[in-house]
Amino acid sequence: MHSTLIVARMDARSSGEVAGIFGEFDGTEMPHLMGTRRRQLFAYRGLYFHLQDFDSDQGGEVIEEARAHPLFVKVSDDLKPFIQAYDPATWRSPADAMAQRFYHWAPSS
């Protein structure tokens, strides 16, 4: 499994609208097409965290490939009033908002 964490800015009062947008999106075939296993959204002091787990290790690449799909375009457009880039000067794609994991631990089985 692969995880991505997108960091952006969001007014916490928008969390209901953002959750609704993702609820609609996750009811389509897109999660299956992208190999999304789980999505979690978090808000903290004006920041937005989008944790997404994928079936394969290609999560970031899958997001980039899905960007042209009409459902992905729609969810991106629907989120624009609520989610702002963490650093608008450097944001060009979702990859520019992905945190880089530098440590991971899991119990051995």
PDB file of N, CA and C in Angstrom:
ATOM      1  N   MET A   1       0.847  -1.177   0.000  1.00  0.00           N
ATOM      2  CA  MET A   1       0.000   0.000   0.000  1.00  0.00           C
ATOM      3  C   MET A   1       0.890   1.237   0.000  1.00  0.00           C
ATOM      4  N   HIS A   2       0.418   2.286  -0.650  1.00  0.00           N
ATOM      5  CA  HIS A   2       1.132   3.556  -0.733  1.00  0.00           C
ATOM      6  C   HIS A   2       0.213   4.661  -0.217  1.00  0.00           C
ATOM      7  N   SER A   3       0.779   5.622   0.496  1.00  0.00           N
ATOM      8  CA  SER A   3       0.001   6.749   1.013  1.00  0.00           C
ATOM      9  C   SER A   3       0.554   8.049   0.462  1.00  0.00           C
ATOM     10  N   THR A   4      -0.350   8.999   0.224  1.00  0.00           N
ATOM     11  CA  THR A   4       0.058  10.359  -0.106  1.00  0.00           C
ATOM     12  C   THR A   4      -0.614  11.294   0.891  1.00  0.00           C
ATOM     13  N   LEU A   5       0.071  12.382   1.198  1.00  0.00           N
ATOM     14  CA  LEU A   5      -0.469  13.400   2.090  1.00  0.00           C
ATOM     15  C   LEU A   5      -0.364  14.737   1.376  1.00  0.00           C
ATOM     16  N   ILE A   6      -1.516  15.310   1.066  1.00  0.00           N
ATOM     17  CA  ILE A   6      -1.566  16.623   0.421  1.00  0.00           C
ATOM     18  C   ILE A   6      -1.816  17.661   1.502  1.00  0.00           C
ATOM     19  N   VAL A   7      -1.037  18.743   1.473  1.00  0.00           N
ATOM     20  CA  VAL A   7      -1.150  19.824   2.444  1.00  0.00           C
ATOM     21  C   VAL A   7      -1.567  21.083   1.693  1.00  0.00           C
ATOM     22  N   ALA A   8      -2.589  21.758   2.213  1.00  0.00           N
ATOM     23  CA  ALA A   8      -3.072  22.997   1.593  1.00  0.00           C
ATOM     24  C   ALA A   8      -3.650  23.881   2.693  1.00  0.00           C
ATOM     25  N   ARG A   9      -4.317  24.937   2.278  1.00  0.00           N
ATOM     26  CA  ARG A   9      -4.955  25.851   3.230  1.00  0.00           C
ATOM     27  C   ARG A   9      -6.466  25.754   3.080  1.00  0.00           C
ATOM     28  N   MET A  10      -7.161  25.803   4.228  1.00  0.00           N
ATOM     29  CA  MET A  10      -8.612  25.723   4.219  1.00  0.00           C
ATOM     30  C   MET A  10      -9.157  26.360   5.491  1.00  0.00           C
ATOM     31  N   ASP A  11     -10.188  27.144   5.352  1.00  0.00           N
ATOM     32  CA  ASP A  11     -10.903  27.660   6.505  1.00  0.00           C
ATOM     33  C   ASP A  11     -11.668  26.488   7.117  1.00  0.00           C
ATOM     34  N   ALA A  12     -11.467  26.207   8.389  1.00  0.00           N
ATOM     35  CA  ALA A  12     -12.094  25.057   9.047  1.00  0.00           C
ATOM     36  C   ALA A  12     -13.613  25.085   8.928  1.00  0.00           C
ATOM     37  N   ARG A  13     -14.195  26.262   8.752  1.00  0.00           N
ATOM     38  CA  ARG A  13     -15.652  26.353   8.598  1.00  0.00           C
ATOM     39  C   ARG A  13     -16.123  25.736   7.291  1.00  0.00           C
ATOM     40  N   SER A  14     -15.208  25.454   6.386  1.00  0.00           N
ATOM     41  CA  SER A  14     -15.551  24.851   5.093  1.00  0.00           C
ATOM     42  C   SER A  14     -15.506  23.327   5.125  1.00  0.00           C
ATOM     43  N   SER A  15     -15.177  22.749   6.264  1.00  0.00           N
ATOM     44  CA  SER A  15     -14.979  21.297   6.321  1.00  0.00           C
ATOM     45  C   SER A  15     -16.229  20.518   5.905  1.00  0.00           C
ATOM     46  N   GLY A  16     -17.393  20.981   6.238  1.00  0.00           N
ATOM     47  CA  GLY A  16     -18.626  20.287   5.841  1.00  0.00           C
ATOM     48  C   GLY A  16     -18.807  20.264   4.337  1.00  0.00           C
ATOM     49  N   GLU A  17     -18.562  21.396   3.685  1.00  0.00           N
ATOM     50  CA  GLU A  17     -18.687  21.461   2.227  1.00  0.00           C
ATOM     51  C   GLU A  17     -17.651  20.566   1.551  1.00  0.00           C
ATOM     52  N   VAL A  18     -16.419  20.612   2.053  1.00  0.00           N
ATOM     53  CA  VAL A  18     -15.350  19.796   1.470  1.00  0.00           C
ATOM     54  C   VAL A  18     -15.659  18.310   1.654  1.00  0.00           C
ATOM     55  N   ALA A  19     -16.120  17.923   2.827  1.00  0.00           N
ATOM     56  CA  ALA A  19     -16.491  16.523   3.073  1.00  0.00           C
ATOM     57  C   ALA A  19     -17.607  16.093   2.128  1.00  0.00           C
ATOM     58  N   GLY A  20     -18.578  16.971   1.896  1.00  0.00           N
ATOM     59  CA  GLY A  20     -19.667  16.649   0.979  1.00  0.00           C
ATOM     60  C   GLY A  20     -19.185  16.457  -0.448  1.00  0.00           C
ATOM     61  N   ILE A  21     -18.277  17.299  -0.878  1.00  0.00           N
ATOM     62  CA  ILE A  21     -17.716  17.181  -2.232  1.00  0.00           C
ATOM     63  C   ILE A  21     -16.994  15.851  -2.388  1.00  0.00           C
ATOM     64  N   PHE A  22     -16.178  15.494  -1.389  1.00  0.00           N
ATOM     65  CA  PHE A  22     -15.477  14.217  -1.476  1.00  0.00           C
ATOM     66  C   PHE A  22     -16.425  13.038  -1.316  1.00  0.00           C
ATOM     67  N   GLY A  23     -17.482  13.184  -0.525  1.00  0.00           N
ATOM     68  CA  GLY A  23     -18.470  12.116  -0.405  1.00  0.00           C
ATOM     69  C   GLY A  23     -19.100  11.803  -1.749  1.00  0.00           C
ATOM     70  N   GLU A  24     -19.419  12.856  -2.508  1.00  0.00           N
ATOM     71  CA  GLU A  24     -19.979  12.667  -3.849  1.00  0.00           C
ATOM     72  C   GLU A  24     -18.950  12.019  -4.772  1.00  0.00           C
ATOM     73  N   PHE A  25     -17.722  12.522  -4.755  1.00  0.00           N
ATOM     74  CA  PHE A  25     -16.645  12.001  -5.603  1.00  0.00           C
ATOM     75  C   PHE A  25     -16.366  10.531  -5.289  1.00  0.00           C
ATOM     76  N   ASP A  26     -16.326  10.200  -4.000  1.00  0.00           N
ATOM     77  CA  ASP A  26     -16.011   8.835  -3.600  1.00  0.00           C
ATOM     78  C   ASP A  26     -17.153   7.864  -3.900  1.00  0.00           C
ATOM     79  N   GLY A  27     -18.336   8.391  -4.229  1.00  0.00           N
ATOM     80  CA  GLY A  27     -19.457   7.559  -4.644  1.00  0.00           C
ATOM     81  C   GLY A  27     -19.428   7.222  -6.128  1.00  0.00           C
ATOM     82  N   THR A  28     -18.432   7.741  -6.852  1.00  0.00           N
ATOM     83  CA  THR A  28     -18.282   7.454  -8.279  1.00  0.00           C
ATOM     84  C   THR A  28     -17.280   6.311  -8.457  1.00  0.00           C
ATOM     85  N   GLU A  29     -16.963   6.008  -9.703  1.00  0.00           N
ATOM     86  CA  GLU A  29     -15.987   4.962  -9.972  1.00  0.00           C
ATOM     87  C   GLU A  29     -14.541   5.415  -9.790  1.00  0.00           C
ATOM     88  N   MET A  30     -14.314   6.716  -9.564  1.00  0.00           N
ATOM     89  CA  MET A  30     -12.937   7.222  -9.499  1.00  0.00           C
ATOM     90  C   MET A  30     -12.071   6.564  -8.429  1.00  0.00           C
ATOM     91  N   PRO A  31     -12.540   6.366  -7.203  1.00  0.00           N
ATOM     92  CA  PRO A  31     -11.656   5.697  -6.235  1.00  0.00           C
ATOM     93  C   PRO A  31     -11.180   4.331  -6.739  1.00  0.00           C
ATOM     94  N   HIS A  32     -12.086   3.591  -7.356  1.00  0.00           N
ATOM     95  CA  HIS A  32     -11.709   2.280  -7.891  1.00  0.00           C
ATOM     96  C   HIS A  32     -10.699   2.432  -9.032  1.00  0.00           C
ATOM     97  N   LEU A  33     -10.945   3.366  -9.945  1.00  0.00           N
ATOM     98  CA  LEU A  33     -10.040   3.579 -11.073  1.00  0.00           C
ATOM     99  C   LEU A  33      -8.640   3.983 -10.610  1.00  0.00           C
ATOM    100  N   MET A  34      -8.578   4.766  -9.526  1.00  0.00           N
ATOM    101  CA  MET A  34      -7.296   5.243  -9.019  1.00  0.00           C
ATOM    102  C   MET A  34      -6.637   4.255  -8.058  1.00  0.00           C
ATOM    103  N   GLY A  35      -7.370   3.227  -7.646  1.00  0.00           N
ATOM    104  CA  GLY A  35      -6.819   2.282  -6.677  1.00  0.00           C
ATOM    105  C   GLY A  35      -6.826   2.833  -5.270  1.00  0.00           C
ATOM    106  N   THR A  36      -7.732   3.777  -5.001  1.00  0.00           N
ATOM    107  CA  THR A  36      -7.821   4.381  -3.665  1.00  0.00           C
ATOM    108  C   THR A  36      -8.421   3.367  -2.699  1.00  0.00           C
ATOM    109  N   ARG A  37      -7.704   3.115  -1.646  1.00  0.00           N
ATOM    110  CA  ARG A  37      -8.170   2.186  -0.616  1.00  0.00           C
ATOM    111  C   ARG A  37      -8.876   2.937   0.519  1.00  0.00           C
ATOM    112  N   ARG A  38      -8.373   4.143   0.821  1.00  0.00           N
ATOM    113  CA  ARG A  38      -8.953   4.925   1.926  1.00  0.00           C
ATOM    114  C   ARG A  38      -8.570   6.378   1.738  1.00  0.00           C
ATOM    115  N   ARG A  39      -9.489   7.279   2.154  1.00  0.00           N
ATOM    116  CA  ARG A  39      -9.231   8.719   2.127  1.00  0.00           C
ATOM    117  C   ARG A  39      -9.616   9.277   3.501  1.00  0.00           C
ATOM    118  N   GLN A  40      -8.746  10.132   4.052  1.00  0.00           N
ATOM    119  CA  GLN A  40      -9.045  10.814   5.302  1.00  0.00           C
ATOM    120  C   GLN A  40      -8.696  12.284   5.132  1.00  0.00           C
ATOM    121  N   LEU A  41      -9.559  13.160   5.632  1.00  0.00           N
ATOM    122  CA  LEU A  41      -9.341  14.601   5.556  1.00  0.00           C
ATOM    123  C   LEU A  41      -9.219  15.143   6.974  1.00  0.00           C
ATOM    124  N   PHE A  42      -8.251  16.053   7.170  1.00  0.00           N
ATOM    125  CA  PHE A  42      -8.008  16.657   8.475  1.00  0.00           C
ATOM    126  C   PHE A  42      -7.881  18.163   8.315  1.00  0.00           C
ATOM    127  N   ALA A  43      -8.262  18.891   9.343  1.00  0.00           N
ATOM    128  CA  ALA A  43      -8.074  20.347   9.381  1.00  0.00           C
ATOM    129  C   ALA A  43      -7.381  20.700  10.692  1.00  0.00           C
ATOM    130  N   TYR A  44      -6.439  21.646  10.593  1.00  0.00           N
ATOM    131  CA  TYR A  44      -5.739  22.116  11.790  1.00  0.00           C
ATOM    132  C   TYR A  44      -5.265  23.542  11.550  1.00  0.00           C
ATOM    133  N   ARG A  45      -5.823  24.476  12.300  1.00  0.00           N
ATOM    134  CA  ARG A  45      -5.390  25.873  12.295  1.00  0.00           C
ATOM    135  C   ARG A  45      -5.184  26.446  10.889  1.00  0.00           C
ATOM    136  N   GLY A  46      -6.201  26.306  10.073  1.00  0.00           N
ATOM    137  CA  GLY A  46      -6.141  26.869   8.733  1.00  0.00           C
ATOM    138  C   GLY A  46      -5.455  25.992   7.702  1.00  0.00           C
ATOM    139  N   LEU A  47      -5.022  24.822   8.123  1.00  0.00           N
ATOM    140  CA  LEU A  47      -4.388  23.896   7.187  1.00  0.00           C
ATOM    141  C   LEU A  47      -5.318  22.722   6.901  1.00  0.00           C
ATOM    142  N   TYR A  48      -5.169  22.169   5.734  1.00  0.00           N
ATOM    143  CA  TYR A  48      -5.953  21.044   5.241  1.00  0.00           C
ATOM    144  C   TYR A  48      -4.976  19.915   4.949  1.00  0.00           C
ATOM    145  N   PHE A  49      -5.291  18.722   5.423  1.00  0.00           N
ATOM    146  CA  PHE A  49      -4.467  17.547   5.188  1.00  0.00           C
ATOM    147  C   PHE A  49      -5.342  16.465   4.568  1.00  0.00           C
ATOM    148  N   HIS A  50      -4.916  15.963   3.441  1.00  0.00           N
ATOM    149  CA  HIS A  50      -5.659  14.962   2.685  1.00  0.00           C
ATOM    150  C   HIS A  50      -4.790  13.720   2.588  1.00  0.00           C
ATOM    151  N   LEU A  51      -5.110  12.730   3.403  1.00  0.00           N
ATOM    152  CA  LEU A  51      -4.361  11.477   3.434  1.00  0.00           C
ATOM    153  C   LEU A  51      -5.108  10.456   2.593  1.00  0.00           C
ATOM    154  N   GLN A  52      -4.406   9.924   1.602  1.00  0.00           N
ATOM    155  CA  GLN A  52      -5.026   8.966   0.695  1.00  0.00           C
ATOM    156  C   GLN A  52      -4.143   7.735   0.596  1.00  0.00           C
ATOM    157  N   ASP A  53      -4.742   6.553   0.789  1.00  0.00           N
ATOM    158  CA  ASP A  53      -4.027   5.288   0.707  1.00  0.00           C
ATOM    159  C   ASP A  53      -4.422   4.585  -0.587  1.00  0.00           C
ATOM    160  N   PHE A  54      -3.423   4.031  -1.267  1.00  0.00           N
ATOM    161  CA  PHE A  54      -3.619   3.371  -2.551  1.00  0.00           C
ATOM    162  C   PHE A  54      -3.230   1.906  -2.464  1.00  0.00           C
ATOM    163  N   ASP A  55      -3.802   1.110  -3.366  1.00  0.00           N
ATOM    164  CA  ASP A  55      -3.474  -0.306  -3.435  1.00  0.00           C
ATOM    165  C   ASP A  55      -2.035  -0.540  -3.862  1.00  0.00           C
ATOM    166  N   SER A  56      -1.509   0.327  -4.725  1.00  0.00           N
ATOM    167  CA  SER A  56      -0.162   0.118  -5.253  1.00  0.00           C
ATOM    168  C   SER A  56       0.782   1.207  -4.763  1.00  0.00           C
ATOM    169  N   ASP A  57       2.038   1.060  -5.084  1.00  0.00           N
ATOM    170  CA  ASP A  57       3.053   2.046  -4.717  1.00  0.00           C
ATOM    171  C   ASP A  57       3.103   3.213  -5.695  1.00  0.00           C
ATOM    172  N   GLN A  58       2.150   3.314  -6.585  1.00  0.00           N
ATOM    173  CA  GLN A  58       2.156   4.340  -7.633  1.00  0.00           C
ATOM    174  C   GLN A  58       1.169   5.468  -7.339  1.00  0.00           C
ATOM    175  N   GLY A  59       0.826   5.724  -6.085  1.00  0.00           N
ATOM    176  CA  GLY A  59      -0.197   6.702  -5.716  1.00  0.00           C
ATOM    177  C   GLY A  59      -0.045   8.066  -6.359  1.00  0.00           C
ATOM    178  N   GLY A  60       1.119   8.695  -6.228  1.00  0.00           N
ATOM    179  CA  GLY A  60       1.327  10.019  -6.797  1.00  0.00           C
ATOM    180  C   GLY A  60       1.205  10.013  -8.310  1.00  0.00           C
ATOM    181  N   GLU A  61       1.722   8.958  -8.932  1.00  0.00           N
ATOM    182  CA  GLU A  61       1.637   8.841 -10.390  1.00  0.00           C
ATOM    183  C   GLU A  61       0.198   8.643 -10.835  1.00  0.00           C
ATOM    184  N   VAL A  62      -0.581   7.880 -10.079  1.00  0.00           N
ATOM    185  CA  VAL A  62      -1.981   7.641 -10.406  1.00  0.00           C
ATOM    186  C   VAL A  62      -2.762   8.949 -10.359  1.00  0.00           C
ATOM    187  N   ILE A  63      -2.481   9.783  -9.362  1.00  0.00           N
ATOM    188  CA  ILE A  63      -3.155  11.079  -9.262  1.00  0.00           C
ATOM    189  C   ILE A  63      -2.851  11.925 -10.490  1.00  0.00           C
ATOM    190  N   GLU A  64      -1.592  11.960 -10.884  1.00  0.00           N
ATOM    191  CA  GLU A  64      -1.210  12.748 -12.061  1.00  0.00           C
ATOM    192  C   GLU A  64      -1.913  12.234 -13.313  1.00  0.00           C
ATOM    193  N   GLU A  65      -2.007  10.918 -13.465  1.00  0.00           N
ATOM    194  CA  GLU A  65      -2.669  10.335 -14.631  1.00  0.00           C
ATOM    195  C   GLU A  65      -4.166  10.623 -14.627  1.00  0.00           C
ATOM    196  N   ALA A  66      -4.781  10.677 -13.452  1.00  0.00           N
ATOM    197  CA  ALA A  66      -6.227  10.884 -13.344  1.00  0.00           C
ATOM    198  C   ALA A  66      -6.650  12.329 -13.560  1.00  0.00           C
ATOM    199  N   ARG A  67      -5.713  13.257 -13.543  1.00  0.00           N
ATOM    200  CA  ARG A  67      -6.044  14.689 -13.604  1.00  0.00           C
ATOM    201  C   ARG A  67      -6.910  15.075 -14.789  1.00  0.00           C
ATOM    202  N   ALA A  68      -6.842  14.357 -15.897  1.00  0.00           N
ATOM    203  CA  ALA A  68      -7.613  14.705 -17.089  1.00  0.00           C
ATOM    204  C   ALA A  68      -9.009  14.073 -17.095  1.00  0.00           C
ATOM    205  N   HIS A  69      -9.272  13.141 -16.203  1.00  0.00           N
ATOM    206  CA  HIS A  69     -10.577  12.480 -16.161  1.00  0.00           C
ATOM    207  C   HIS A  69     -11.644  13.506 -15.770  1.00  0.00           C
ATOM    208  N   PRO A  70     -12.801  13.510 -16.443  1.00  0.00           N
ATOM    209  CA  PRO A  70     -13.843  14.510 -16.141  1.00  0.00           C
ATOM    210  C   PRO A  70     -14.274  14.551 -14.673  1.00  0.00           C
ATOM    211  N   LEU A  71     -14.331  13.419 -13.998  1.00  0.00           N
ATOM    212  CA  LEU A  71     -14.716  13.420 -12.582  1.00  0.00           C
ATOM    213  C   LEU A  71     -13.649  14.059 -11.708  1.00  0.00           C
ATOM    214  N   PHE A  72     -12.380  13.857 -12.062  1.00  0.00           N
ATOM    215  CA  PHE A  72     -11.288  14.485 -11.322  1.00  0.00           C
ATOM    216  C   PHE A  72     -11.302  15.994 -11.557  1.00  0.00           C
ATOM    217  N   VAL A  73     -11.526  16.389 -12.802  1.00  0.00           N
ATOM    218  CA  VAL A  73     -11.609  17.821 -13.124  1.00  0.00           C
ATOM    219  C   VAL A  73     -12.745  18.460 -12.340  1.00  0.00           C
ATOM    220  N   LYS A  74     -13.895  17.762 -12.270  1.00  0.00           N
ATOM    221  CA  LYS A  74     -15.050  18.310 -11.537  1.00  0.00           C
ATOM    222  C   LYS A  74     -14.755  18.466 -10.055  1.00  0.00           C
ATOM    223  N   VAL A  75     -14.178  17.444  -9.421  1.00  0.00           N
ATOM    224  CA  VAL A  75     -13.910  17.557  -7.981  1.00  0.00           C
ATOM    225  C   VAL A  75     -12.893  18.667  -7.736  1.00  0.00           C
ATOM    226  N   SER A  76     -11.922  18.802  -8.605  1.00  0.00           N
ATOM    227  CA  SER A  76     -10.940  19.877  -8.448  1.00  0.00           C
ATOM    228  C   SER A  76     -11.600  21.242  -8.555  1.00  0.00           C
ATOM    229  N   ASP A  77     -12.485  21.405  -9.532  1.00  0.00           N
ATOM    230  CA  ASP A  77     -13.205  22.677  -9.689  1.00  0.00           C
ATOM    231  C   ASP A  77     -14.127  22.951  -8.506  1.00  0.00           C
ATOM    232  N   ASP A  78     -14.807  21.913  -8.027  1.00  0.00           N
ATOM    233  CA  ASP A  78     -15.723  22.075  -6.889  1.00  0.00           C
ATOM    234  C   ASP A  78     -14.985  22.468  -5.612  1.00  0.00           C
ATOM    235  N   LEU A  79     -13.735  22.034  -5.473  1.00  0.00           N
ATOM    236  CA  LEU A  79     -12.951  22.327  -4.267  1.00  0.00           C
ATOM    237  C   LEU A  79     -12.294  23.709  -4.296  1.00  0.00           C
ATOM    238  N   LYS A  80     -12.163  24.309  -5.476  1.00  0.00           N
ATOM    239  CA  LYS A  80     -11.444  25.581  -5.600  1.00  0.00           C
ATOM    240  C   LYS A  80     -11.921  26.677  -4.652  1.00  0.00           C
ATOM    241  N   PRO A  81     -13.225  26.824  -4.402  1.00  0.00           N
ATOM    242  CA  PRO A  81     -13.630  27.886  -3.467  1.00  0.00           C
ATOM    243  C   PRO A  81     -13.212  27.629  -2.014  1.00  0.00           C
ATOM    244  N   PHE A  82     -12.841  26.391  -1.696  1.00  0.00           N
ATOM    245  CA  PHE A  82     -12.586  26.019  -0.311  1.00  0.00           C
ATOM    246  C   PHE A  82     -11.125  25.703   0.007  1.00  0.00           C
ATOM    247  N   ILE A  83     -10.381  25.197  -0.973  1.00  0.00           N
ATOM    248  CA  ILE A  83      -9.005  24.747  -0.753  1.00  0.00           C
ATOM    249  C   ILE A  83      -8.064  25.655  -1.541  1.00  0.00           C
ATOM    250  N   GLN A  84      -7.077  26.206  -0.857  1.00  0.00           N
ATOM    251  CA  GLN A  84      -6.073  27.046  -1.508  1.00  0.00           C
ATOM    252  C   GLN A  84      -4.704  26.376  -1.367  1.00  0.00           C
ATOM    253  N   ALA A  85      -3.877  26.589  -2.356  1.00  0.00           N
ATOM    254  CA  ALA A  85      -2.523  26.020  -2.314  1.00  0.00           C
ATOM    255  C   ALA A  85      -1.786  26.537  -1.081  1.00  0.00           C
ATOM    256  N   TYR A  86      -0.980  25.676  -0.499  1.00  0.00           N
ATOM    257  CA  TYR A  86      -0.166  26.088   0.645  1.00  0.00           C
ATOM    258  C   TYR A  86       0.776  27.210   0.218  1.00  0.00           C
ATOM    259  N   ASP A  87       1.388  27.053  -0.951  1.00  0.00           N
ATOM    260  CA  ASP A  87       2.276  28.076  -1.498  1.00  0.00           C
ATOM    261  C   ASP A  87       1.860  28.329  -2.950  1.00  0.00           C
ATOM    262  N   PRO A  88       0.969  29.296  -3.181  1.00  0.00           N
ATOM    263  CA  PRO A  88       0.476  29.538  -4.542  1.00  0.00           C
ATOM    264  C   PRO A  88       1.571  29.848  -5.554  1.00  0.00           C
ATOM    265  N   ALA A  89       2.690  30.377  -5.112  1.00  0.00           N
ATOM    266  CA  ALA A  89       3.762  30.728  -6.034  1.00  0.00           C
ATOM    267  C   ALA A  89       4.427  29.499  -6.654  1.00  0.00           C
ATOM    268  N   THR A  90       4.341  28.352  -5.983  1.00  0.00           N
ATOM    269  CA  THR A  90       5.023  27.162  -6.496  1.00  0.00           C
ATOM    270  C   THR A  90       4.068  26.059  -6.937  1.00  0.00           C
ATOM    271  N   TRP A  91       2.759  26.202  -6.689  1.00  0.00           N
ATOM    272  CA  TRP A  91       1.819  25.128  -7.002  1.00  0.00           C
ATOM    273  C   TRP A  91       1.498  25.089  -8.489  1.00  0.00           C
ATOM    274  N   ARG A  92       1.691  23.912  -9.082  1.00  0.00           N
ATOM    275  CA  ARG A  92       1.328  23.701 -10.477  1.00  0.00           C
ATOM    276  C   ARG A  92       0.461  22.457 -10.653  1.00  0.00           C
ATOM    277  N   SER A  93       0.581  21.502  -9.730  1.00  0.00           N
ATOM    278  CA  SER A  93      -0.191  20.263  -9.790  1.00  0.00           C
ATOM    279  C   SER A  93      -0.285  19.685  -8.379  1.00  0.00           C
ATOM    280  N   PRO A  94      -1.131  18.658  -8.175  1.00  0.00           N
ATOM    281  CA  PRO A  94      -1.216  18.046  -6.846  1.00  0.00           C
ATOM    282  C   PRO A  94       0.140  17.587  -6.307  1.00  0.00           C
ATOM    283  N   ALA A  95       1.044  17.209  -7.188  1.00  0.00           N
ATOM    284  CA  ALA A  95       2.369  16.761  -6.737  1.00  0.00           C
ATOM    285  C   ALA A  95       3.104  17.859  -5.974  1.00  0.00           C
ATOM    286  N   ASP A  96       2.821  19.121  -6.284  1.00  0.00           N
ATOM    287  CA  ASP A  96       3.480  20.236  -5.598  1.00  0.00           C
ATOM    288  C   ASP A  96       2.959  20.454  -4.185  1.00  0.00           C
ATOM    289  N   ALA A  97       1.892  19.761  -3.819  1.00  0.00           N
ATOM    290  CA  ALA A  97       1.325  19.900  -2.484  1.00  0.00           C
ATOM    291  C   ALA A  97       1.515  18.645  -1.637  1.00  0.00           C
ATOM    292  N   MET A  98       2.222  17.650  -2.172  1.00  0.00           N
ATOM    293  CA  MET A  98       2.387  16.393  -1.450  1.00  0.00           C
ATOM    294  C   MET A  98       3.577  16.452  -0.504  1.00  0.00           C
ATOM    295  N   ALA A  99       3.279  16.103   0.747  1.00  0.00           N
ATOM    296  CA  ALA A  99       4.343  16.019   1.742  1.00  0.00           C
ATOM    297  C   ALA A  99       5.224  14.821   1.415  1.00  0.00           C
ATOM    298  N   GLN A 100       6.488  14.915   1.781  1.00  0.00           N
ATOM    299  CA  GLN A 100       7.438  13.831   1.545  1.00  0.00           C
ATOM    300  C   GLN A 100       7.643  13.050   2.840  1.00  0.00           C
ATOM    301  N   ARG A 101       7.312  11.774   2.801  1.00  0.00           N
ATOM    302  CA  ARG A 101       7.517  10.945   3.987  1.00  0.00           C
ATOM    303  C   ARG A 101       9.010  10.745   4.202  1.00  0.00           C
ATOM    304  N   PHE A 102       9.459  10.932   5.426  1.00  0.00           N
ATOM    305  CA  PHE A 102      10.882  10.728   5.726  1.00  0.00           C
ATOM    306  C   PHE A 102      11.112   9.671   6.796  1.00  0.00           C
ATOM    307  N   TYR A 103      10.015   9.068   7.317  1.00  0.00           N
ATOM    308  CA  TYR A 103      10.155   7.981   8.279  1.00  0.00           C
ATOM    309  C   TYR A 103       8.895   7.155   8.243  1.00  0.00           C
ATOM    310  N   HIS A 104       9.055   5.844   8.361  1.00  0.00           N
ATOM    311  CA  HIS A 104       7.907   4.942   8.404  1.00  0.00           C
ATOM    312  C   HIS A 104       8.254   3.776   9.299  1.00  0.00           C
ATOM    313  N   TRP A 105       7.296   3.354  10.090  1.00  0.00           N
ATOM    314  CA  TRP A 105       7.464   2.190  10.925  1.00  0.00           C
ATOM    315  C   TRP A 105       6.199   1.360  10.826  1.00  0.00           C
ATOM    316  N   ALA A 106       6.335   0.066  10.794  1.00  0.00           N
ATOM    317  CA  ALA A 106       5.204  -0.855  10.850  1.00  0.00           C
ATOM    318  C   ALA A 106       5.657  -2.086  11.616  1.00  0.00           C
ATOM    319  N   PRO A 107       4.765  -2.680  12.372  1.00  0.00           N
ATOM    320  CA  PRO A 107       5.165  -3.886  13.113  1.00  0.00           C
ATOM    321  C   PRO A 107       5.468  -5.020  12.147  1.00  0.00           C
ATOM    322  N   SER A 108       6.440  -5.835  12.503  1.00  0.00           N
ATOM    323  CA  SER A 108       6.723  -7.001  11.671  1.00  0.00           C
ATOM    324  C   SER A 108       5.705  -8.085  12.014  1.00  0.00           C
ATOM    325  N   SER A 109       5.302  -8.804  10.991  1.00  0.00           N
ATOM    326  CA  SER A 109       4.289  -9.834  11.266  1.00  0.00           C
ATOM    327  C   SER A 109       4.855 -11.210  11.137  1.00  0.00           C
TER     328      SER A 109
END
